[in-house]
Structures are given as structure tokens and as C-alpha cells.
Protein backbone atom coordinates (compact mmCIF):
# COMPACT_ATOMS: atom_id res chain seq x y z
CA MET A 1 -6.64 0.94 -6.86
CA LYS A 2 -10.01 1.31 -5.09
CA VAL A 3 -11.52 2.93 -2.33
CA GLY A 4 -10.25 1.70 1.03
CA ASP A 5 -6.87 0.62 -0.33
CA LYS A 6 -3.64 1.62 1.61
CA VAL A 7 -0.97 3.25 -0.68
CA SER A 8 2.18 5.06 -0.17
CA PHE A 9 3.13 8.14 -1.79
CA GLU A 10 5.87 10.94 -1.61
CA PHE A 11 5.25 13.87 0.71
CA ALA A 12 7.82 16.41 1.41
CA GLY A 13 10.57 14.16 0.33
CA LYS A 14 9.34 11.25 2.42
CA LYS A 15 7.34 8.27 2.02
CA LYS A 16 3.76 8.54 3.62
CA GLU A 17 1.12 5.94 3.73
CA GLY A 18 -2.72 6.87 3.33
CA VAL A 19 -5.99 5.26 2.65
CA VAL A 20 -7.90 5.90 -0.72
CA PHE A 21 -10.87 8.09 0.31
CA ARG A 22 -12.18 9.08 -3.07
CA LEU A 23 -11.23 8.06 -6.37
CA PHE A 24 -11.69 10.13 -9.81
CA PRO A 25 -10.50 9.45 -13.36
CA LYS A 26 -7.39 11.40 -13.04
CA SER A 27 -6.92 12.18 -9.39
CA VAL A 28 -7.31 10.55 -6.10
CA HIS A 29 -8.09 11.81 -2.46
CA LEU A 30 -6.14 10.20 0.33
CA LYS A 31 -6.79 10.17 4.12
CA VAL A 32 -3.46 10.60 5.85
CA ASP A 33 -2.62 10.80 9.56
CA PHE A 34 -0.06 13.44 10.41
CA GLU A 35 1.46 14.04 13.83
CA LYS A 36 -0.76 17.00 14.68
CA ASP A 37 -3.56 16.52 12.00
CA LYS A 38 -5.21 13.11 12.18
CA GLY A 39 -7.34 12.32 9.00
CA LYS A 40 -6.18 14.95 6.72
CA VAL A 41 -7.35 14.59 3.13
CA VAL A 42 -4.54 15.09 0.59
CA LYS A 43 -5.25 15.27 -3.28
CA ARG A 44 -2.77 13.66 -5.84
CA LYS A 45 -2.88 13.09 -9.45
CA LEU A 46 -2.96 9.38 -10.48
CA SER A 47 -0.14 9.92 -13.06
CA SER A 48 2.17 11.15 -10.17
CA MET A 49 1.29 8.05 -8.03
CA GLY A 50 2.01 5.60 -10.81
CA GLY A 51 -1.47 4.20 -10.32
CA LYS A 52 -3.72 2.76 -12.89
CA LYS A 53 -6.93 4.41 -13.94
CA PRO A 54 -9.99 3.14 -11.98
CA ALA A 55 -11.83 0.22 -13.61
CA SER A 56 -14.92 1.40 -15.47
CA LYS A 57 -18.33 0.66 -13.74
CA LYS A 58 -19.72 -0.84 -16.90
CA GLU A 59 -20.34 -4.44 -16.94
CA LYS A 60 -19.34 -6.63 -19.95
CA LYS A 61 -21.75 -8.96 -21.25
């Protein structure tokens, strides 16, 4: 999972789709379009999304 990826998640018992806006070690912020609120940012824990931790930014030599 990285910034710009489309992911689906549970919201109010339904499946919603959003775009990864910000990515942190234990959480993720998603931009979601609702009927009356376009571009709303929703915060979820990575463990609840079943996602993997983001790759470290260190390069291996």
C-alpha cells in the first residue's frame, strides 16, 4: 500500500472505496467521496484494513 492506491474498506457496515492520502506506520488517511461530502478524509488503523506496513524508506546496499 502506498500513497495514491485505491483501497476498499468497511464504513457503516458497507464497503466503501477510497484513495490513500497519507500513510503512517500504524494508520492511514483515506480520501473518500460521500454523497454530500466529496473528498472527506477518513482515518483507519492499518491493522483494521488488513494492510501491510509501509515499506521502509531506507535503501539496501
